[in-house]
């Protein structure tokens, strides 16, 4: 069950997730606001409740996410993860300024923060991890990498659009310790119906490519990363943003499906 919950968290960029409380972050301005509520399930059993909200202007952005165990999973764990990020926007590319996350259910009270001086993702973890992986992610590997939430939102804004459509390329990610890539491939389109949205969605496959910052016994195996995370992306705001309305991964017992239950925009 814990493996299944990890898979749910990974699909929405919350592998280590938390919250942002830095008062000197970029000042908010009027723009597009989006909020979505998701439910994660293994087979017919609900295992997670997820909310994501974001605000975009032409110059900056901010976003927050919360992941809690629900249904059957609540019998095995009391996970309650909150994350947040703020930063600057350059078209479809998001340039994070500060990311942080916290698991409220953890007794360690560890805040995992990431700063981005000169575009280099730099961990700010308190209390520190016992180690930063074998080997730890180098400055060169962390240069240009974004946090998990900014990566997901960049995909939604079209940052990996290419000759083969909306999903065609790689995005580098750093989660506070692990450095990995998400490699995107187009899966065409598919007619989909959820409680939040129905219509023709763009199908996007994302492959997990681990690089560094893992302990020896936690480095993902070939089997772990052989299957993609599949996103069904709904075109919203006249196609200017494509938000996930369904996400599927085969990781975990029985596979994990995340489905949008509500989406609000203003």
Protein backbone atom coordinates (compact mmCIF):
# COMPACT_ATOMS: atom_id res chain seq x y z
CA UNK A 1 0.00 0.00 0.00
CA UNK A 2 2.85 2.40 0.76
CA UNK A 3 4.30 1.69 -2.69
CA UNK A 4 0.93 2.52 -4.23
CA UNK A 5 0.76 5.80 -2.29
CA UNK A 6 4.26 6.71 -3.49
CA UNK A 7 3.08 6.12 -7.05
CA UNK A 8 0.08 8.42 -6.53
CA UNK A 9 2.34 11.12 -5.12
CA UNK A 10 4.81 10.77 -7.99
CA UNK A 11 2.12 11.29 -10.62
CA UNK A 12 1.39 14.77 -9.27
CA UNK A 13 4.95 15.81 -8.47
CA UNK A 14 4.75 15.17 -4.73
CA UNK A 15 7.47 12.57 -4.29
CA UNK A 16 8.79 14.47 -1.28
CA UNK A 17 6.25 17.31 -1.20
CA UNK A 18 5.24 20.48 1.26
CA UNK A 19 4.56 24.18 1.57
CA UNK A 20 5.93 27.59 0.73
CA UNK A 21 6.04 30.29 3.40
CA UNK A 22 8.72 32.73 2.24
CA UNK A 23 7.37 36.26 2.54
CA UNK A 24 9.87 37.68 0.04
CA UNK A 25 8.60 35.58 -2.88
CA UNK A 26 7.50 37.35 -6.09
CA UNK A 27 4.50 39.58 -5.43
CA UNK A 28 1.17 38.23 -6.71
CA UNK A 29 -0.62 40.02 -9.53
CA UNK A 30 -3.98 39.49 -11.25
CA UNK A 31 -3.99 36.60 -13.69
CA UNK A 32 -5.40 33.15 -14.39
CA UNK A 33 -6.20 31.05 -11.31
CA UNK A 34 -6.79 27.29 -11.51
CA UNK A 35 -7.72 24.81 -8.80
CA UNK A 36 -8.34 21.08 -9.15
CA UNK A 37 -9.37 18.28 -6.82
CA UNK A 38 -8.24 14.71 -7.56
CA UNK A 39 -8.97 11.29 -6.13
CA UNK A 40 -6.38 8.51 -6.29
CA UNK A 41 -7.44 4.86 -6.34
CA UNK A 42 -5.98 1.36 -6.52
CA UNK A 43 -8.45 -0.85 -8.35
CA UNK A 44 -11.81 0.16 -6.80
CA UNK A 45 -10.34 1.45 -3.52
CA UNK A 46 -9.72 5.14 -2.88
CA UNK A 47 -6.24 5.72 -1.44
CA UNK A 48 -5.56 9.44 -1.72
CA UNK A 49 -7.16 12.87 -1.84
CA UNK A 50 -5.23 15.54 -3.75
CA UNK A 51 -5.77 19.25 -4.35
CA UNK A 52 -3.68 21.52 -6.58
CA UNK A 53 -4.10 25.25 -7.12
CA UNK A 54 -2.10 27.68 -9.20
CA UNK A 55 -2.03 31.30 -10.33
CA UNK A 56 -0.35 32.51 -13.51
CA UNK A 57 0.41 35.95 -14.88
CA UNK A 58 2.60 36.87 -17.83
CA UNK A 59 5.51 37.49 -15.43
CA UNK A 60 5.19 35.09 -12.49
CA UNK A 61 3.33 32.18 -10.95
CA UNK A 62 2.61 30.43 -7.66
CA UNK A 63 1.14 27.04 -6.85
CA UNK A 64 0.27 24.81 -3.91
CA UNK A 65 -0.60 21.15 -3.55
CA UNK A 66 -1.83 18.89 -0.77
CA UNK A 67 -1.83 15.09 -0.66
CA UNK A 68 -3.56 13.09 2.08
CA UNK A 69 -4.14 9.37 2.51
CA UNK A 70 -7.80 8.47 2.20
CA UNK A 71 -10.09 5.46 2.20
CA UNK A 72 -8.31 2.11 2.46
CA UNK A 73 -4.87 3.72 2.58
CA UNK A 74 -5.73 5.65 5.73
CA UNK A 75 -5.65 2.30 7.57
CA UNK A 76 -1.96 1.92 6.70
CA UNK A 77 -0.57 5.46 6.83
CA UNK A 78 -1.52 8.98 7.92
CA UNK A 79 0.37 10.76 5.14
CA UNK A 80 -0.47 14.47 4.91
CA UNK A 81 1.89 16.26 2.53
CA UNK A 82 1.72 19.96 1.67
CA UNK A 83 3.85 21.66 -0.98
CA UNK A 84 4.19 25.08 -2.55
CA UNK A 85 6.26 27.00 -5.06
CA UNK A 86 6.57 30.53 -6.43
CA UNK A 87 8.63 31.85 -9.28
CA UNK A 88 8.83 33.62 -12.60
CA UNK A 89 7.29 32.79 -15.95
CA UNK A 90 8.96 32.90 -19.34
CA UNK A 91 6.19 31.86 -21.71
CA UNK A 92 5.62 28.12 -21.29
CA UNK A 93 8.74 27.82 -19.14
CA UNK A 94 8.47 28.34 -15.41
CA UNK A 95 11.55 29.49 -13.51
CA UNK A 96 11.01 28.64 -9.82
CA UNK A 97 12.27 30.97 -7.11
CA UNK A 98 11.43 29.01 -3.96
CA UNK A 99 9.92 25.57 -3.38
CA UNK A 100 9.25 23.83 -0.06
CA UNK A 101 7.31 20.90 1.34
CA UNK A 102 6.37 19.29 4.62
CA UNK A 103 4.74 16.04 5.68
CA UNK A 104 2.50 17.09 8.57
CA UNK A 105 2.16 13.46 9.65
CA UNK A 106 5.90 12.94 10.05
CA UNK A 107 7.47 13.20 13.49
CA UNK A 108 10.66 14.64 11.96
CA UNK A 109 8.98 17.97 11.06
CA UNK A 110 11.44 18.21 8.18
CA UNK A 111 10.99 21.11 5.80
CA UNK A 112 12.48 20.32 2.40
CA UNK A 113 13.17 23.58 0.61
CA UNK A 114 14.82 24.36 -2.72
CA UNK A 115 16.25 27.73 -3.76
CA UNK A 116 17.37 28.49 -7.31
CA UNK A 117 20.30 30.96 -7.27
CA UNK A 118 21.55 31.52 -10.84
CA UNK A 119 19.24 28.73 -12.03
CA UNK A 120 20.90 26.02 -9.91
CA UNK A 121 18.44 24.01 -7.78
CA UNK A 122 19.97 24.22 -4.30
CA UNK A 123 18.58 22.18 -1.37
CA UNK A 124 17.69 23.88 1.93
CA UNK A 125 16.65 20.98 4.18
CA UNK A 126 15.99 21.37 7.91
CA UNK A 127 16.74 19.09 9.69
CA UNK A 128 19.15 17.78 7.03
CA UNK A 129 18.86 14.34 5.47
CA UNK A 130 21.25 11.71 6.78
CA UNK A 131 22.85 11.72 3.35
CA UNK A 132 22.17 13.26 -0.06
CA UNK A 133 22.49 10.03 -2.04
CA UNK A 134 25.26 7.89 -3.46
CA UNK A 135 26.41 9.94 -5.27
CA UNK A 136 24.63 13.20 -4.42
CA UNK A 137 23.38 15.38 -7.25
CA UNK A 138 26.18 17.70 -8.39
CA UNK A 139 25.89 21.42 -9.11
CA UNK A 140 26.13 20.65 -12.82
CA UNK A 141 23.29 18.12 -12.62
CA UNK A 142 21.09 20.51 -10.65
CA UNK A 143 21.68 23.44 -13.02
CA UNK A 144 18.47 24.16 -14.94
CA UNK A 145 16.40 21.64 -12.98
CA UNK A 146 12.99 22.64 -11.57
CA UNK A 147 10.98 21.36 -8.63
CA UNK A 148 8.30 18.66 -9.22
CA UNK A 149 5.29 21.00 -9.15
CA UNK A 150 6.81 23.53 -11.56
CA UNK A 151 7.67 20.64 -13.87
CA UNK A 152 4.07 19.42 -13.95
CA UNK A 153 2.77 22.94 -14.58
CA UNK A 154 5.39 23.55 -17.29
CA UNK A 155 4.11 20.47 -19.10
CA UNK A 156 0.55 21.84 -18.81
CA UNK A 157 1.67 25.15 -20.34
CA UNK A 158 3.37 23.44 -23.30
CA UNK A 159 7.04 23.48 -22.27
CA UNK A 160 7.66 20.12 -23.97
CA UNK A 161 5.75 20.82 -27.16
CA UNK A 162 7.64 19.69 -30.25
CA UNK A 163 7.31 18.21 -33.71
CA UNK A 164 5.32 15.30 -32.30
CA UNK A 165 2.82 17.42 -30.42
CA UNK A 166 2.33 18.67 -26.88
CA UNK A 167 4.51 15.93 -25.33
CA UNK A 168 7.89 15.66 -27.00
CA UNK A 169 11.03 16.19 -24.92
CA UNK A 170 12.57 16.09 -21.45
CA UNK A 171 12.29 18.21 -18.32
CA UNK A 172 14.97 18.06 -15.58
CA UNK A 173 13.66 17.71 -12.00
CA UNK A 174 15.19 18.05 -8.53
CA UNK A 175 13.01 17.21 -5.51
CA UNK A 176 15.36 18.30 -2.73
CA UNK A 177 17.59 15.24 -2.92
CA UNK A 178 16.88 13.15 -6.03
CA UNK A 179 17.73 14.42 -9.49
CA UNK A 180 15.86 12.85 -12.39
CA UNK A 181 14.39 13.59 -15.79
CA UNK A 182 10.87 13.16 -17.06
CA UNK A 183 10.95 12.14 -20.72
CA UNK A 184 7.68 12.87 -22.51
CA UNK A 185 6.24 11.05 -25.52
CA UNK A 186 3.01 11.72 -27.37
CA UNK A 187 0.21 9.18 -27.07
CA UNK A 188 -2.22 10.84 -29.48
CA UNK A 189 -5.70 11.76 -28.29
CA UNK A 190 -8.47 9.94 -26.48
CA UNK A 191 -12.11 10.63 -25.65
CA UNK A 192 -12.46 10.80 -21.88
CA UNK A 193 -15.16 11.44 -19.31
CA UNK A 194 -14.60 12.36 -15.66
CA UNK A 195 -16.69 14.18 -13.08
CA UNK A 196 -14.68 17.33 -13.79
CA UNK A 197 -14.41 17.29 -17.59
CA UNK A 198 -15.38 15.37 -20.71
CA UNK A 199 -14.10 15.61 -24.27
CA UNK A 200 -11.08 14.84 -26.46
CA UNK A 201 -7.95 14.80 -24.32
CA UNK A 202 -4.27 14.82 -25.28
CA UNK A 203 -2.53 11.63 -24.12
CA UNK A 204 0.99 12.16 -22.78
CA UNK A 205 3.40 9.44 -21.59
CA UNK A 206 6.09 10.45 -19.07
CA UNK A 207 9.06 8.15 -18.41
CA UNK A 208 11.02 8.46 -15.17
CA UNK A 209 14.81 8.66 -15.71
CA UNK A 210 16.78 8.57 -12.40
CA UNK A 211 20.17 10.31 -12.41
CA UNK A 212 21.58 10.87 -8.91
CA UNK A 213 20.72 11.58 -5.28
CA UNK A 214 19.47 8.09 -4.41
CA UNK A 215 20.64 5.72 -1.71
CA UNK A 216 22.04 2.47 -3.08
CA UNK A 217 19.03 0.43 -1.99
CA UNK A 218 16.42 2.87 -3.33
CA UNK A 219 17.69 3.49 -6.87
CA UNK A 220 14.76 2.54 -9.15
CA UNK A 221 15.15 -0.73 -11.03
CA UNK A 222 14.63 -1.17 -14.76
CA UNK A 223 11.30 -2.80 -13.98
CA UNK A 224 10.25 0.16 -11.82
CA UNK A 225 10.79 2.66 -14.64
CA UNK A 226 9.87 0.54 -17.65
CA UNK A 227 6.24 1.70 -17.65
CA UNK A 228 5.32 5.35 -18.16
CA UNK A 229 3.03 7.57 -16.19
CA UNK A 230 0.19 8.38 -18.61
CA UNK A 231 -1.53 11.77 -18.46
CA UNK A 232 -4.82 12.66 -20.14
CA UNK A 233 -4.63 16.43 -20.63
CA UNK A 234 -7.74 18.56 -21.10
CA UNK A 235 -7.39 21.78 -23.16
CA UNK A 236 -8.62 24.66 -21.00
CA UNK A 237 -8.64 28.46 -21.33
CA UNK A 238 -9.03 28.14 -25.11
CA UNK A 239 -6.16 25.68 -25.25
CA UNK A 240 -3.62 27.88 -23.46
CA UNK A 241 -3.26 25.32 -20.67
CA UNK A 242 -3.69 21.53 -20.68
CA UNK A 243 -4.55 20.24 -17.22
CA UNK A 244 -4.42 16.54 -16.26
CA UNK A 245 -7.92 15.08 -15.83
CA UNK A 246 -6.75 11.47 -15.53
CA UNK A 247 -3.37 9.98 -14.66
CA UNK A 248 -2.43 6.31 -14.71
CA UNK A 249 0.66 4.40 -13.59
CA UNK A 250 1.21 0.66 -13.30
CA UNK A 251 3.39 1.10 -10.21
CA UNK A 252 1.98 -0.28 -6.99
CA UNK A 253 -0.38 -3.17 -6.40
CA UNK A 254 -3.01 -3.20 -9.14
CA UNK A 255 -1.81 0.06 -10.63
CA UNK A 256 -2.87 3.55 -9.60
CA UNK A 257 -5.39 5.88 -11.24
CA UNK A 258 -5.79 9.56 -10.36
CA UNK A 259 -8.97 11.23 -11.60
CA UNK A 260 -10.09 14.86 -11.52
CA UNK A 261 -13.25 15.35 -9.51
CA UNK A 262 -13.53 19.12 -9.96
CA UNK A 263 -11.74 21.91 -11.82
CA UNK A 264 -12.29 25.63 -11.31
CA UNK A 265 -10.81 28.52 -13.30
CA UNK A 266 -11.15 32.27 -12.92
